[in-house]
C-alpha cells in the first residue's frame, strides 16, 4: 500500500467577502513516478507585504525494474523581508512500481495571498483518471507555520452515497478564511437533474479544521 507521509498536519477562520479569486499564481508542473523529472520549481511570487514564495515538486526513484521505489515530495519555498530562503516539506508519499498510484499525476500550485499579504494559499494536487484530490496548504509568514487540510473527512457526512466530489481552493475571504468550492463529477446526469452535491462555496477554518457553507444571494426578480 502506498503511504502518504504528512510532515505536519495542523489544521483558518471565517466571515464573508472575498479578497481574491484568481487562477494559480505559480505552478511546479506535473510529475509522475514513471516519468520523474527531478526538481520542478515554479516562479517566485510576492505579496503586497514584501513576502515571497514558490512551490517545488520532486520525485525521487530508487532501485530498478520491478523493484523501483518512488518518493514524491511537495516543498514550499518562502522568503521573508530579510530575503532569507526557507524550505518546508508539506507532504510526501511513497509508491512502489505496480501500485495503482505509480502513474498518477502530481502537481503543486500557489493560489493566492491573504488581504494583508501574511498568509499564502497553495494546493497539493493528485490526479489519476477520474480521481482527483486537492489538499489546501496555508502558510503563515508571521509564525513560520503551515496547515495542510484533508477536505474529504470534513465533507464526508454531507455527500450522498454514490456521489463523487472534487474540491478547488479558490483563495482567501477578506476575513482570512479559505474559500473552497466542492464540485460533483456527475456530468452524465439527465438534463434538468440537479448535481448530486449542490453547487456551493464554503469557508474553511483551517485552524479549527471546520467548514461553513456560504449563503448565495439570489438576484431580485
N, C-alpha and C. Protein backbone atom coordinates (compact mmCIF):
# COMPACT_ATOMS: atom_id res chain seq x y z
N UNK A 1 0.83 -1.20 0.00
CA UNK A 1 0.00 0.00 0.00
C UNK A 1 0.86 1.25 0.00
N UNK A 2 0.62 2.20 -0.91
CA UNK A 2 1.37 3.47 -0.87
C UNK A 2 0.96 4.25 0.36
N UNK A 3 1.88 5.01 0.88
CA UNK A 3 1.62 5.76 2.09
C UNK A 3 1.82 7.24 1.86
N UNK A 4 0.92 8.02 2.41
CA UNK A 4 1.06 9.47 2.36
C UNK A 4 1.66 9.91 3.68
N UNK A 5 2.86 10.46 3.62
CA UNK A 5 3.56 10.88 4.81
C UNK A 5 3.38 12.37 4.97
N UNK A 6 2.59 12.80 5.92
CA UNK A 6 2.37 14.22 6.14
C UNK A 6 3.36 14.71 7.17
N UNK A 7 4.21 15.63 6.79
CA UNK A 7 5.26 16.11 7.66
C UNK A 7 4.68 16.95 8.78
N UNK A 8 3.65 17.73 8.50
CA UNK A 8 2.98 18.48 9.56
C UNK A 8 1.52 18.64 9.19
N UNK A 9 0.64 18.39 10.12
CA UNK A 9 -0.79 18.50 9.85
C UNK A 9 -1.44 19.23 11.02
N UNK A 10 -1.39 20.52 10.94
CA UNK A 10 -2.03 21.34 11.97
C UNK A 10 -3.31 21.81 11.31
N UNK A 11 -4.23 21.69 11.47
CA UNK A 11 -5.25 22.20 10.60
C UNK A 11 -6.17 23.00 11.36
N UNK A 12 -8.59 28.04 8.95
CA UNK A 12 -8.23 29.39 9.41
C UNK A 12 -9.49 29.99 9.65
N UNK A 13 -9.79 30.79 9.93
CA UNK A 13 -11.10 31.16 10.42
C UNK A 13 -11.83 32.27 9.68
N UNK A 14 -12.67 32.58 9.18
CA UNK A 14 -14.09 32.91 8.99
C UNK A 14 -14.76 34.03 8.17
N UNK A 15 -15.81 34.95 8.38
CA UNK A 15 -16.95 35.62 7.73
C UNK A 15 -16.86 36.23 6.31
N UNK A 16 -17.72 36.41 5.55
CA UNK A 16 -17.90 36.71 4.14
C UNK A 16 -16.99 37.74 3.49
N UNK A 17 -17.16 37.86 2.20
CA UNK A 17 -16.39 38.82 1.42
C UNK A 17 -15.17 38.12 0.88
N UNK A 18 -14.84 38.31 -0.36
CA UNK A 18 -13.73 37.61 -0.96
C UNK A 18 -12.61 38.58 -1.28
N UNK A 19 -11.40 38.27 -0.81
CA UNK A 19 -10.28 39.17 -1.06
C UNK A 19 -9.70 38.95 -2.45
N UNK A 20 -9.74 37.68 -2.93
CA UNK A 20 -9.27 37.44 -4.28
C UNK A 20 -9.70 36.08 -4.78
N UNK A 21 -9.95 35.98 -6.07
CA UNK A 21 -10.28 34.72 -6.71
C UNK A 21 -9.51 34.69 -8.02
N UNK A 22 -8.40 34.01 -8.05
CA UNK A 22 -7.56 34.03 -9.23
C UNK A 22 -7.15 32.63 -9.62
N UNK A 23 -6.65 32.52 -10.83
CA UNK A 23 -6.04 31.27 -11.25
C UNK A 23 -4.70 31.16 -10.52
N UNK A 24 -4.07 30.01 -10.64
CA UNK A 24 -2.83 29.80 -9.90
C UNK A 24 -1.79 30.86 -10.25
N UNK A 25 -1.08 31.31 -9.24
CA UNK A 25 -0.04 32.31 -9.43
C UNK A 25 1.28 31.68 -9.83
N UNK A 26 1.49 30.44 -9.40
CA UNK A 26 2.73 29.74 -9.70
C UNK A 26 2.46 28.24 -9.67
N UNK A 27 3.11 27.50 -10.56
CA UNK A 27 2.91 26.05 -10.63
C UNK A 27 4.26 25.35 -10.74
N UNK A 28 4.31 24.15 -10.17
CA UNK A 28 5.55 23.36 -10.22
C UNK A 28 5.52 22.30 -11.31
N UNK A 29 4.52 22.36 -12.18
CA UNK A 29 4.44 21.38 -13.25
C UNK A 29 3.83 20.07 -12.77
N UNK A 30 3.86 19.05 -13.63
CA UNK A 30 3.27 17.74 -13.33
C UNK A 30 4.38 16.69 -13.26
N UNK A 31 4.33 15.87 -12.23
CA UNK A 31 5.34 14.83 -12.02
C UNK A 31 4.65 13.50 -11.76
N UNK A 32 5.17 12.43 -12.35
CA UNK A 32 4.72 11.08 -12.04
C UNK A 32 5.93 10.25 -11.65
N UNK A 33 5.69 9.14 -10.98
CA UNK A 33 6.80 8.25 -10.61
C UNK A 33 7.39 7.56 -11.84
N UNK A 34 6.54 7.31 -12.84
CA UNK A 34 7.03 6.65 -14.05
C UNK A 34 7.94 7.56 -14.84
N UNK A 35 7.66 8.86 -14.82
CA UNK A 35 8.47 9.83 -15.55
C UNK A 35 8.93 10.95 -14.62
N UNK A 36 9.75 10.61 -13.62
CA UNK A 36 10.23 11.65 -12.70
C UNK A 36 11.15 12.60 -13.45
N UNK A 37 10.97 13.87 -13.23
CA UNK A 37 11.81 14.85 -13.94
C UNK A 37 12.66 15.66 -12.96
N UNK A 38 13.04 14.99 -11.86
CA UNK A 38 13.90 15.65 -10.89
C UNK A 38 13.16 16.73 -10.14
N UNK A 39 13.74 17.91 -10.08
CA UNK A 39 13.14 19.01 -9.34
C UNK A 39 12.34 19.90 -10.29
N UNK A 40 11.11 20.20 -9.91
CA UNK A 40 10.27 21.10 -10.68
C UNK A 40 9.90 22.26 -9.79
N UNK A 41 10.35 23.44 -10.12
CA UNK A 41 10.15 24.62 -9.29
C UNK A 41 9.40 25.68 -10.08
N UNK A 42 8.37 26.25 -9.48
CA UNK A 42 7.60 27.30 -10.12
C UNK A 42 8.28 28.65 -9.99
N UNK A 43 7.65 29.67 -10.54
CA UNK A 43 8.21 31.02 -10.45
C UNK A 43 7.93 31.59 -9.06
N UNK A 44 8.79 32.49 -8.63
CA UNK A 44 8.59 33.18 -7.36
C UNK A 44 7.50 34.22 -7.51
N UNK A 45 6.63 34.31 -6.50
CA UNK A 45 5.59 35.33 -6.49
C UNK A 45 5.66 36.08 -5.15
N UNK A 46 5.24 37.34 -5.16
CA UNK A 46 5.37 38.17 -3.96
C UNK A 46 4.03 38.76 -3.54
N UNK A 47 3.90 39.03 -2.26
CA UNK A 47 2.69 39.65 -1.72
C UNK A 47 2.92 41.15 -1.55
N UNK A 48 1.84 41.87 -1.26
CA UNK A 48 1.93 43.31 -1.05
C UNK A 48 2.74 43.64 0.20
N UNK A 49 2.94 42.65 1.06
CA UNK A 49 3.69 42.85 2.29
C UNK A 49 5.19 42.63 2.10
N UNK A 50 5.59 42.35 0.86
CA UNK A 50 7.01 42.16 0.59
C UNK A 50 7.52 40.77 0.88
N UNK A 51 6.62 39.78 0.99
CA UNK A 51 6.99 38.38 1.23
C UNK A 51 6.89 37.62 -0.09
N UNK A 52 7.62 36.56 -0.23
CA UNK A 52 7.61 35.83 -1.50
C UNK A 52 7.68 34.33 -1.27
N UNK A 53 7.26 33.59 -2.31
CA UNK A 53 7.20 32.14 -2.19
C UNK A 53 7.18 31.49 -3.57
N UNK A 54 7.52 30.22 -3.59
CA UNK A 54 7.35 29.40 -4.78
C UNK A 54 7.12 27.96 -4.33
N UNK A 55 6.72 27.12 -5.26
CA UNK A 55 6.46 25.72 -4.95
C UNK A 55 7.39 24.82 -5.75
N UNK A 56 7.71 23.68 -5.16
CA UNK A 56 8.59 22.70 -5.79
C UNK A 56 7.96 21.32 -5.66
N UNK A 57 8.08 20.53 -6.71
CA UNK A 57 7.60 19.15 -6.69
C UNK A 57 8.75 18.25 -7.13
N UNK A 58 9.05 17.27 -6.32
CA UNK A 58 10.22 16.44 -6.58
C UNK A 58 9.85 14.96 -6.45
N UNK A 59 10.23 14.16 -7.45
CA UNK A 59 10.03 12.72 -7.40
C UNK A 59 11.39 12.04 -7.47
N UNK A 60 11.69 11.24 -6.48
CA UNK A 60 12.98 10.55 -6.41
C UNK A 60 12.73 9.04 -6.49
N UNK A 61 13.30 8.40 -7.52
CA UNK A 61 13.09 6.96 -7.74
C UNK A 61 14.40 6.22 -7.51
N UNK A 62 14.33 5.20 -6.68
CA UNK A 62 15.49 4.34 -6.42
C UNK A 62 15.17 2.91 -6.86
N UNK A 63 16.21 2.10 -7.04
CA UNK A 63 16.02 0.73 -7.49
C UNK A 63 15.85 0.67 -8.99
N UNK A 64 15.56 -0.52 -9.50
CA UNK A 64 15.42 -0.69 -10.95
C UNK A 64 14.37 -1.75 -11.24
N UNK A 65 13.85 -1.71 -12.45
CA UNK A 65 12.88 -2.71 -12.89
C UNK A 65 11.67 -2.78 -12.00
N UNK A 66 11.33 -4.00 -11.58
CA UNK A 66 10.15 -4.22 -10.75
C UNK A 66 10.41 -3.89 -9.28
N UNK A 67 11.59 -3.40 -8.97
CA UNK A 67 11.92 -3.08 -7.58
C UNK A 67 12.11 -1.58 -7.37
N UNK A 68 11.52 -0.79 -8.26
CA UNK A 68 11.64 0.66 -8.13
C UNK A 68 10.76 1.19 -6.99
N UNK A 69 11.28 2.18 -6.30
CA UNK A 69 10.58 2.81 -5.17
C UNK A 69 10.62 4.32 -5.39
N UNK A 70 9.49 4.98 -5.23
CA UNK A 70 9.37 6.40 -5.54
C UNK A 70 8.93 7.19 -4.31
N UNK A 71 9.59 8.30 -4.07
CA UNK A 71 9.17 9.23 -3.02
C UNK A 71 8.87 10.58 -3.69
N UNK A 72 7.63 11.02 -3.59
CA UNK A 72 7.22 12.31 -4.16
C UNK A 72 7.10 13.32 -3.02
N UNK A 73 7.73 14.48 -3.20
CA UNK A 73 7.76 15.49 -2.15
C UNK A 73 7.19 16.81 -2.66
N UNK A 74 6.30 17.40 -1.87
CA UNK A 74 5.75 18.72 -2.14
C UNK A 74 6.46 19.70 -1.21
N UNK A 75 7.21 20.65 -1.79
CA UNK A 75 8.02 21.55 -0.99
C UNK A 75 7.63 23.01 -1.23
N UNK A 76 7.54 23.75 -0.15
CA UNK A 76 7.20 25.17 -0.23
C UNK A 76 8.44 25.98 0.13
N UNK A 77 8.84 26.88 -0.79
CA UNK A 77 9.98 27.77 -0.56
C UNK A 77 9.43 29.15 -0.21
N UNK A 78 9.93 29.73 0.86
CA UNK A 78 9.44 31.06 1.28
C UNK A 78 10.63 31.97 1.59
N UNK A 79 10.40 33.27 1.41
CA UNK A 79 11.38 34.29 1.77
C UNK A 79 10.66 35.41 2.52
N UNK A 80 11.22 35.77 3.67
CA UNK A 80 10.68 36.88 4.43
C UNK A 80 11.25 38.19 3.92
N UNK A 81 11.01 39.26 4.66
CA UNK A 81 11.52 40.57 4.26
C UNK A 81 13.04 40.64 4.33
N UNK A 82 13.64 39.69 5.06
CA UNK A 82 15.11 39.65 5.13
C UNK A 82 15.70 38.90 3.94
N UNK A 83 14.82 38.38 3.05
CA UNK A 83 15.21 37.68 1.82
C UNK A 83 15.89 36.33 2.08
N UNK A 84 15.89 35.87 3.32
CA UNK A 84 16.43 34.54 3.61
C UNK A 84 15.42 33.48 3.19
N UNK A 85 15.91 32.45 2.51
CA UNK A 85 15.01 31.42 1.99
C UNK A 85 14.89 30.25 2.96
N UNK A 86 13.66 29.77 3.15
CA UNK A 86 13.39 28.60 3.98
C UNK A 86 12.54 27.63 3.16
N UNK A 87 12.79 26.34 3.34
CA UNK A 87 12.08 25.32 2.58
C UNK A 87 11.32 24.40 3.55
N UNK A 88 10.04 24.19 3.27
CA UNK A 88 9.20 23.33 4.10
C UNK A 88 8.66 22.19 3.24
N UNK A 89 8.88 20.96 3.67
CA UNK A 89 8.27 19.82 3.00
C UNK A 89 6.88 19.64 3.60
N UNK A 90 5.85 20.00 2.85
CA UNK A 90 4.50 19.98 3.41
C UNK A 90 3.84 18.61 3.31
N UNK A 91 4.33 17.77 2.40
CA UNK A 91 3.78 16.41 2.28
C UNK A 91 4.73 15.54 1.46
N UNK A 92 4.67 14.25 1.72
CA UNK A 92 5.41 13.26 0.93
C UNK A 92 4.55 12.01 0.79
N UNK A 93 4.74 11.29 -0.29
CA UNK A 93 4.09 10.00 -0.44
C UNK A 93 5.08 9.02 -1.04
N UNK A 94 4.89 7.75 -0.70
CA UNK A 94 5.76 6.68 -1.20
C UNK A 94 4.95 5.73 -2.06
N UNK A 95 5.53 5.31 -3.18
CA UNK A 95 4.88 4.34 -4.06
C UNK A 95 5.92 3.36 -4.58
N UNK A 96 5.47 2.13 -4.85
CA UNK A 96 6.30 1.12 -5.47
C UNK A 96 5.76 0.82 -6.86
N UNK A 97 6.65 0.45 -7.79
CA UNK A 97 6.20 0.14 -9.14
C UNK A 97 5.17 -0.98 -9.05
N UNK A 98 4.08 -0.83 -9.79
CA UNK A 98 2.99 -1.78 -9.72
C UNK A 98 1.81 -1.27 -8.91
N UNK A 99 2.05 -0.28 -8.03
CA UNK A 99 0.95 0.34 -7.30
C UNK A 99 0.06 1.10 -8.28
N UNK A 100 -1.22 1.18 -7.98
CA UNK A 100 -2.14 1.93 -8.84
C UNK A 100 -1.74 3.39 -8.98
N UNK A 101 -1.14 3.93 -7.92
CA UNK A 101 -0.79 5.35 -7.92
C UNK A 101 0.55 5.65 -8.57
N UNK A 102 1.24 4.63 -9.08
CA UNK A 102 2.55 4.84 -9.68
C UNK A 102 2.49 5.82 -10.84
N UNK A 103 1.41 5.78 -11.60
CA UNK A 103 1.27 6.64 -12.79
C UNK A 103 0.46 7.90 -12.51
N UNK A 104 0.03 8.12 -11.28
CA UNK A 104 -0.80 9.29 -11.03
C UNK A 104 -0.01 10.58 -11.25
N UNK A 105 -0.72 11.62 -11.66
CA UNK A 105 -0.11 12.92 -11.93
C UNK A 105 -0.16 13.77 -10.67
N UNK A 106 0.99 14.22 -10.23
CA UNK A 106 1.10 15.05 -9.04
C UNK A 106 1.47 16.47 -9.44
N UNK A 107 0.89 17.45 -8.76
CA UNK A 107 1.23 18.84 -9.04
C UNK A 107 1.12 19.66 -7.77
N UNK A 108 1.62 20.90 -7.83
CA UNK A 108 1.66 21.80 -6.68
C UNK A 108 1.54 23.21 -7.21
N UNK A 109 0.63 24.01 -6.67
CA UNK A 109 0.43 25.35 -7.18
C UNK A 109 0.12 26.33 -6.07
N UNK A 110 0.42 27.59 -6.32
CA UNK A 110 0.08 28.67 -5.40
C UNK A 110 -1.20 29.33 -5.89
N UNK A 111 -2.19 29.46 -4.99
CA UNK A 111 -3.50 30.01 -5.37
C UNK A 111 -3.66 31.48 -5.06
N UNK A 112 -3.01 31.97 -4.00
CA UNK A 112 -3.17 33.39 -3.68
C UNK A 112 -2.65 33.76 -2.31
N UNK A 113 -2.82 35.05 -1.99
CA UNK A 113 -2.39 35.62 -0.72
C UNK A 113 -3.59 36.15 0.04
N UNK A 114 -3.45 36.20 1.36
CA UNK A 114 -4.47 36.85 2.17
C UNK A 114 -4.42 38.36 1.93
N UNK A 115 -5.45 39.09 2.38
CA UNK A 115 -5.54 40.52 2.14
C UNK A 115 -4.33 41.28 2.68
N UNK A 116 -3.83 40.84 3.84
CA UNK A 116 -2.68 41.53 4.44
C UNK A 116 -1.33 41.03 3.93
N UNK A 117 -1.36 40.03 3.05
CA UNK A 117 -0.13 39.51 2.46
C UNK A 117 0.71 38.67 3.38
N UNK A 118 0.17 38.26 4.53
CA UNK A 118 0.93 37.49 5.51
C UNK A 118 0.68 35.98 5.39
N UNK A 119 -0.39 35.60 4.72
CA UNK A 119 -0.74 34.18 4.57
C UNK A 119 -0.73 33.79 3.09
N UNK A 120 -0.25 32.61 2.82
CA UNK A 120 -0.16 32.08 1.45
C UNK A 120 -1.04 30.84 1.35
N UNK A 121 -1.77 30.72 0.24
CA UNK A 121 -2.58 29.54 -0.01
C UNK A 121 -2.02 28.78 -1.20
N UNK A 122 -1.77 27.49 -1.00
CA UNK A 122 -1.28 26.61 -2.08
C UNK A 122 -2.14 25.36 -2.12
N UNK A 123 -2.05 24.61 -3.23
CA UNK A 123 -2.81 23.38 -3.37
C UNK A 123 -1.91 22.22 -3.77
N UNK A 124 -1.96 21.16 -2.98
CA UNK A 124 -1.32 19.89 -3.33
C UNK A 124 -2.34 19.09 -4.13
N UNK A 125 -1.98 18.70 -5.35
CA UNK A 125 -2.95 18.06 -6.24
C UNK A 125 -2.45 16.69 -6.70
N UNK A 126 -3.34 15.69 -6.61
CA UNK A 126 -3.03 14.34 -7.07
C UNK A 126 -4.16 13.89 -7.99
N UNK A 127 -3.83 13.46 -9.21
CA UNK A 127 -4.84 13.10 -10.20
C UNK A 127 -4.52 11.75 -10.81
N UNK A 128 -5.54 10.89 -10.88
CA UNK A 128 -5.40 9.61 -11.57
C UNK A 128 -6.72 9.25 -12.21
N UNK A 129 -6.78 9.31 -13.54
CA UNK A 129 -8.03 9.04 -14.24
C UNK A 129 -9.11 10.02 -13.80
N UNK A 130 -10.25 9.48 -13.31
CA UNK A 130 -11.34 10.32 -12.83
C UNK A 130 -11.14 10.74 -11.38
N UNK A 131 -10.10 10.21 -10.75
CA UNK A 131 -9.85 10.50 -9.34
C UNK A 131 -9.01 11.77 -9.23
N UNK A 132 -9.40 12.65 -8.32
CA UNK A 132 -8.76 13.95 -8.19
C UNK A 132 -8.81 14.35 -6.73
N UNK A 133 -7.67 14.60 -6.13
CA UNK A 133 -7.65 15.05 -4.74
C UNK A 133 -6.83 16.34 -4.63
N UNK A 134 -7.49 17.40 -4.19
CA UNK A 134 -6.83 18.68 -3.97
C UNK A 134 -6.82 18.96 -2.47
N UNK A 135 -5.64 19.22 -1.93
CA UNK A 135 -5.48 19.46 -0.50
C UNK A 135 -4.89 20.85 -0.29
N UNK A 136 -5.64 21.77 0.35
CA UNK A 136 -5.10 23.11 0.56
C UNK A 136 -4.00 23.14 1.61
N UNK A 137 -3.02 24.01 1.37
CA UNK A 137 -1.92 24.22 2.31
C UNK A 137 -1.84 25.73 2.57
N UNK A 138 -1.85 26.12 3.83
CA UNK A 138 -1.78 27.54 4.21
C UNK A 138 -0.50 27.77 4.99
N UNK A 139 0.26 28.79 4.58
CA UNK A 139 1.49 29.14 5.28
C UNK A 139 1.36 30.51 5.93
N UNK A 140 1.76 30.60 7.20
CA UNK A 140 1.72 31.84 7.96
C UNK A 140 3.14 32.38 8.07
N UNK A 141 3.41 33.50 7.40
CA UNK A 141 4.76 34.07 7.42
C UNK A 141 5.11 34.66 8.78
N UNK A 142 4.10 35.02 9.57
CA UNK A 142 4.36 35.62 10.87
C UNK A 142 4.93 34.60 11.86
N UNK A 143 4.38 33.41 11.84
CA UNK A 143 4.81 32.37 12.78
C UNK A 143 5.72 31.32 12.15
N UNK A 144 5.76 31.26 10.81
CA UNK A 144 6.56 30.24 10.14
C UNK A 144 5.91 28.87 10.19
N UNK A 145 4.59 28.80 10.43
CA UNK A 145 3.88 27.52 10.48
C UNK A 145 3.02 27.33 9.23
N UNK A 146 2.70 26.06 8.96
CA UNK A 146 1.77 25.80 7.87
C UNK A 146 0.71 24.80 8.32
N UNK A 147 -0.43 24.85 7.63
CA UNK A 147 -1.54 23.94 7.86
C UNK A 147 -1.84 23.22 6.56
N UNK A 148 -2.01 21.93 6.62
CA UNK A 148 -2.41 21.12 5.47
C UNK A 148 -3.72 20.43 5.85
N UNK A 149 -4.77 20.68 5.08
CA UNK A 149 -6.11 20.22 5.48
C UNK A 149 -6.68 19.21 4.49
N UNK A 150 -6.93 18.00 4.97
CA UNK A 150 -7.58 16.98 4.15
C UNK A 150 -9.07 17.28 4.14
N UNK A 151 -9.63 17.60 2.97
CA UNK A 151 -11.01 18.09 2.89
C UNK A 151 -12.07 16.99 2.96
N UNK A 152 -11.79 15.83 2.44
CA UNK A 152 -12.83 14.80 2.37
C UNK A 152 -13.45 14.47 3.74
N UNK A 153 -12.64 14.29 4.81
CA UNK A 153 -13.27 13.99 6.11
C UNK A 153 -14.22 15.09 6.58
N UNK A 154 -14.01 16.33 6.16
CA UNK A 154 -14.88 17.43 6.57
C UNK A 154 -16.21 17.40 5.82
N UNK A 155 -16.19 16.94 4.57
CA UNK A 155 -17.40 16.93 3.74
C UNK A 155 -18.10 15.57 3.71
N UNK A 156 -17.45 14.55 4.19
CA UNK A 156 -17.93 13.17 4.04
C UNK A 156 -19.38 12.99 4.45
N UNK A 157 -19.76 13.52 5.61
CA UNK A 157 -21.13 13.32 6.11
C UNK A 157 -22.18 14.06 5.27
N UNK A 158 -21.74 14.98 4.43
CA UNK A 158 -22.66 15.78 3.63
C UNK A 158 -22.84 15.24 2.22
N UNK A 159 -22.02 14.28 1.84
CA UNK A 159 -22.03 13.76 0.47
C UNK A 159 -22.89 12.50 0.38
N UNK A 160 -23.89 12.49 -0.50
CA UNK A 160 -24.75 11.31 -0.64
C UNK A 160 -23.96 10.09 -1.12
N UNK A 161 -24.45 8.93 -0.80
CA UNK A 161 -23.81 7.69 -1.25
C UNK A 161 -23.78 7.64 -2.78
N UNK A 162 -22.65 7.27 -3.33
CA UNK A 162 -22.51 7.17 -4.78
C UNK A 162 -22.18 8.47 -5.47
N UNK A 163 -22.05 9.55 -4.71
CA UNK A 163 -21.72 10.86 -5.27
C UNK A 163 -20.22 11.11 -5.10
N UNK A 164 -19.57 11.49 -6.19
CA UNK A 164 -18.13 11.75 -6.13
C UNK A 164 -17.90 13.25 -6.25
N UNK A 165 -17.11 13.80 -5.32
CA UNK A 165 -16.89 15.24 -5.25
C UNK A 165 -15.41 15.55 -5.28
N UNK A 166 -15.03 16.55 -6.07
CA UNK A 166 -13.66 17.07 -6.06
C UNK A 166 -13.71 18.49 -5.49
N UNK A 167 -12.54 19.01 -5.12
CA UNK A 167 -12.50 20.29 -4.43
C UNK A 167 -11.52 21.24 -5.11
N UNK A 168 -11.83 22.53 -5.02
CA UNK A 168 -10.93 23.55 -5.52
C UNK A 168 -10.74 24.62 -4.44
N UNK A 169 -9.49 24.96 -4.18
CA UNK A 169 -9.19 26.06 -3.26
C UNK A 169 -9.16 27.34 -4.08
N UNK A 170 -10.08 28.26 -3.82
CA UNK A 170 -10.26 29.45 -4.64
C UNK A 170 -9.36 30.60 -4.20
N UNK A 171 -9.27 30.82 -2.90
CA UNK A 171 -8.49 31.94 -2.38
C UNK A 171 -8.88 32.21 -0.94
N UNK A 172 -8.56 33.39 -0.46
CA UNK A 172 -8.93 33.80 0.90
C UNK A 172 -10.14 34.71 0.88
N UNK A 173 -10.96 34.63 1.91
CA UNK A 173 -12.00 35.62 2.11
C UNK A 173 -11.36 36.83 2.79
N UNK A 174 -12.06 37.95 2.84
CA UNK A 174 -11.47 39.17 3.39
C UNK A 174 -11.16 39.05 4.88
N UNK A 175 -11.81 38.11 5.56
CA UNK A 175 -11.55 37.93 6.98
C UNK A 175 -10.51 36.84 7.25
N UNK A 176 -9.91 36.30 6.21
CA UNK A 176 -8.82 35.36 6.40
C UNK A 176 -9.14 33.90 6.34
N UNK A 177 -10.38 33.54 6.00
CA UNK A 177 -10.72 32.13 5.82
C UNK A 177 -10.34 31.69 4.41
N UNK A 178 -10.33 30.39 4.18
CA UNK A 178 -10.04 29.85 2.85
C UNK A 178 -11.36 29.51 2.17
N UNK A 179 -11.51 29.95 0.93
CA UNK A 179 -12.72 29.70 0.16
C UNK A 179 -12.56 28.40 -0.63
N UNK A 180 -13.47 27.45 -0.38
CA UNK A 180 -13.43 26.14 -1.03
C UNK A 180 -14.67 25.95 -1.90
N UNK A 181 -14.46 25.40 -3.09
CA UNK A 181 -15.58 25.09 -3.98
C UNK A 181 -15.59 23.59 -4.27
N UNK A 182 -16.55 22.84 -3.67
CA UNK A 182 -16.69 21.43 -3.99
C UNK A 182 -17.51 21.26 -5.27
N UNK A 183 -17.14 20.29 -6.10
CA UNK A 183 -17.82 20.08 -7.38
C UNK A 183 -18.11 18.61 -7.56
N UNK A 184 -19.36 18.27 -7.82
CA UNK A 184 -19.69 16.88 -8.12
C UNK A 184 -19.30 16.57 -9.56
N UNK A 185 -18.98 15.31 -9.81
CA UNK A 185 -18.48 14.93 -11.14
C UNK A 185 -19.52 14.18 -11.97
N UNK A 186 -20.79 14.25 -11.58
CA UNK A 186 -21.83 13.52 -12.31
C UNK A 186 -22.30 14.31 -13.52
N UNK A 187 -21.38 14.57 -14.43
CA UNK A 187 -21.69 15.35 -15.63
C UNK A 187 -22.60 14.60 -16.60
N UNK A 188 -22.71 13.27 -16.42
CA UNK A 188 -23.53 12.49 -17.34
C UNK A 188 -24.99 12.37 -16.88
N UNK A 189 -25.39 13.17 -15.87
CA UNK A 189 -26.77 13.11 -15.38
C UNK A 189 -27.74 13.64 -16.44
N UNK A 190 -29.00 13.26 -16.30
CA UNK A 190 -30.02 13.67 -17.25
C UNK A 190 -30.21 15.18 -17.21
N UNK A 191 -30.55 15.75 -18.34
CA UNK A 191 -30.75 17.19 -18.43
C UNK A 191 -31.86 17.63 -17.48
N UNK A 192 -31.58 18.70 -16.73
CA UNK A 192 -32.55 19.19 -15.77
C UNK A 192 -32.42 18.58 -14.39
N UNK A 193 -31.59 17.56 -14.27
CA UNK A 193 -31.37 16.92 -12.97
C UNK A 193 -30.30 17.66 -12.20
N UNK A 194 -30.55 17.91 -10.93
CA UNK A 194 -29.58 18.61 -10.10
C UNK A 194 -28.36 17.74 -9.83
N UNK A 195 -27.18 18.35 -9.66
CA UNK A 195 -25.98 17.56 -9.33
C UNK A 195 -26.16 16.88 -7.97
N UNK A 196 -25.46 15.77 -7.78
CA UNK A 196 -25.63 15.01 -6.54
C UNK A 196 -25.11 15.78 -5.32
N UNK A 197 -24.20 16.74 -5.54
CA UNK A 197 -23.78 17.64 -4.48
C UNK A 197 -24.03 19.05 -4.98
N UNK A 198 -24.75 19.88 -4.21
CA UNK A 198 -25.17 21.19 -4.72
C UNK A 198 -24.00 22.12 -5.04
N UNK A 199 -24.19 22.94 -6.07
CA UNK A 199 -23.22 23.96 -6.40
C UNK A 199 -23.16 24.93 -5.22
N UNK A 200 -21.98 25.10 -4.65
CA UNK A 200 -21.88 25.88 -3.42
C UNK A 200 -20.44 26.29 -3.17
N UNK A 201 -20.29 27.19 -2.21
CA UNK A 201 -18.97 27.60 -1.75
C UNK A 201 -18.95 27.57 -0.23
N UNK A 202 -17.78 27.24 0.31
CA UNK A 202 -17.64 27.01 1.74
C UNK A 202 -16.42 27.74 2.27
N UNK A 203 -16.53 28.17 3.53
CA UNK A 203 -15.38 28.76 4.20
C UNK A 203 -14.71 27.69 5.05
N UNK A 204 -13.40 27.60 4.90
CA UNK A 204 -12.62 26.64 5.66
C UNK A 204 -11.87 27.36 6.78
N UNK A 205 -12.18 26.99 8.00
CA UNK A 205 -11.42 27.47 9.15
C UNK A 205 -10.28 26.48 9.35
N UNK A 206 -9.12 26.81 8.78
CA UNK A 206 -8.05 25.81 8.76
C UNK A 206 -7.44 25.57 10.13
N UNK A 207 -7.54 26.55 11.03
CA UNK A 207 -7.00 26.34 12.37
C UNK A 207 -7.85 25.36 13.19
N UNK A 208 -9.16 25.39 12.96
CA UNK A 208 -10.07 24.52 13.71
C UNK A 208 -10.53 23.30 12.91
N UNK A 209 -10.05 23.20 11.68
CA UNK A 209 -10.41 22.07 10.83
C UNK A 209 -11.94 21.98 10.70
N UNK A 210 -12.56 23.11 10.33
CA UNK A 210 -14.01 23.18 10.25
C UNK A 210 -14.44 23.92 8.99
N UNK A 211 -15.65 23.60 8.50
CA UNK A 211 -16.18 24.24 7.30
C UNK A 211 -17.54 24.85 7.60
N UNK A 212 -17.90 25.88 6.83
CA UNK A 212 -19.21 26.52 6.94
C UNK A 212 -19.66 26.93 5.55
N UNK A 213 -20.89 26.55 5.20
CA UNK A 213 -21.40 26.89 3.87
C UNK A 213 -21.76 28.37 3.80
N UNK A 214 -21.45 28.98 2.67
CA UNK A 214 -21.79 30.38 2.44
C UNK A 214 -23.14 30.45 1.74
N UNK A 215 -23.96 31.37 2.15
CA UNK A 215 -25.25 31.57 1.51
C UNK A 215 -25.05 32.32 0.21
N UNK A 216 -25.76 31.91 -0.80
CA UNK A 216 -25.70 32.60 -2.08
C UNK A 216 -26.87 33.59 -2.16
N UNK A 217 -26.58 34.79 -2.58
CA UNK A 217 -27.61 35.81 -2.68
C UNK A 217 -28.36 35.67 -4.00
N UNK A 218 -29.67 35.57 -3.90
CA UNK A 218 -30.49 35.46 -5.10
C UNK A 218 -30.75 36.85 -5.69
N UNK A 219 -30.70 36.94 -7.00
CA UNK A 219 -30.96 38.20 -7.66
C UNK A 219 -32.46 38.54 -7.55
N UNK A 220 -32.75 39.81 -7.47
CA UNK A 220 -34.13 40.25 -7.40
C UNK A 220 -34.86 39.91 -8.69
N UNK A 221 -36.03 39.40 -8.52
CA UNK A 221 -36.79 39.00 -9.72
C UNK A 221 -37.40 40.24 -10.38
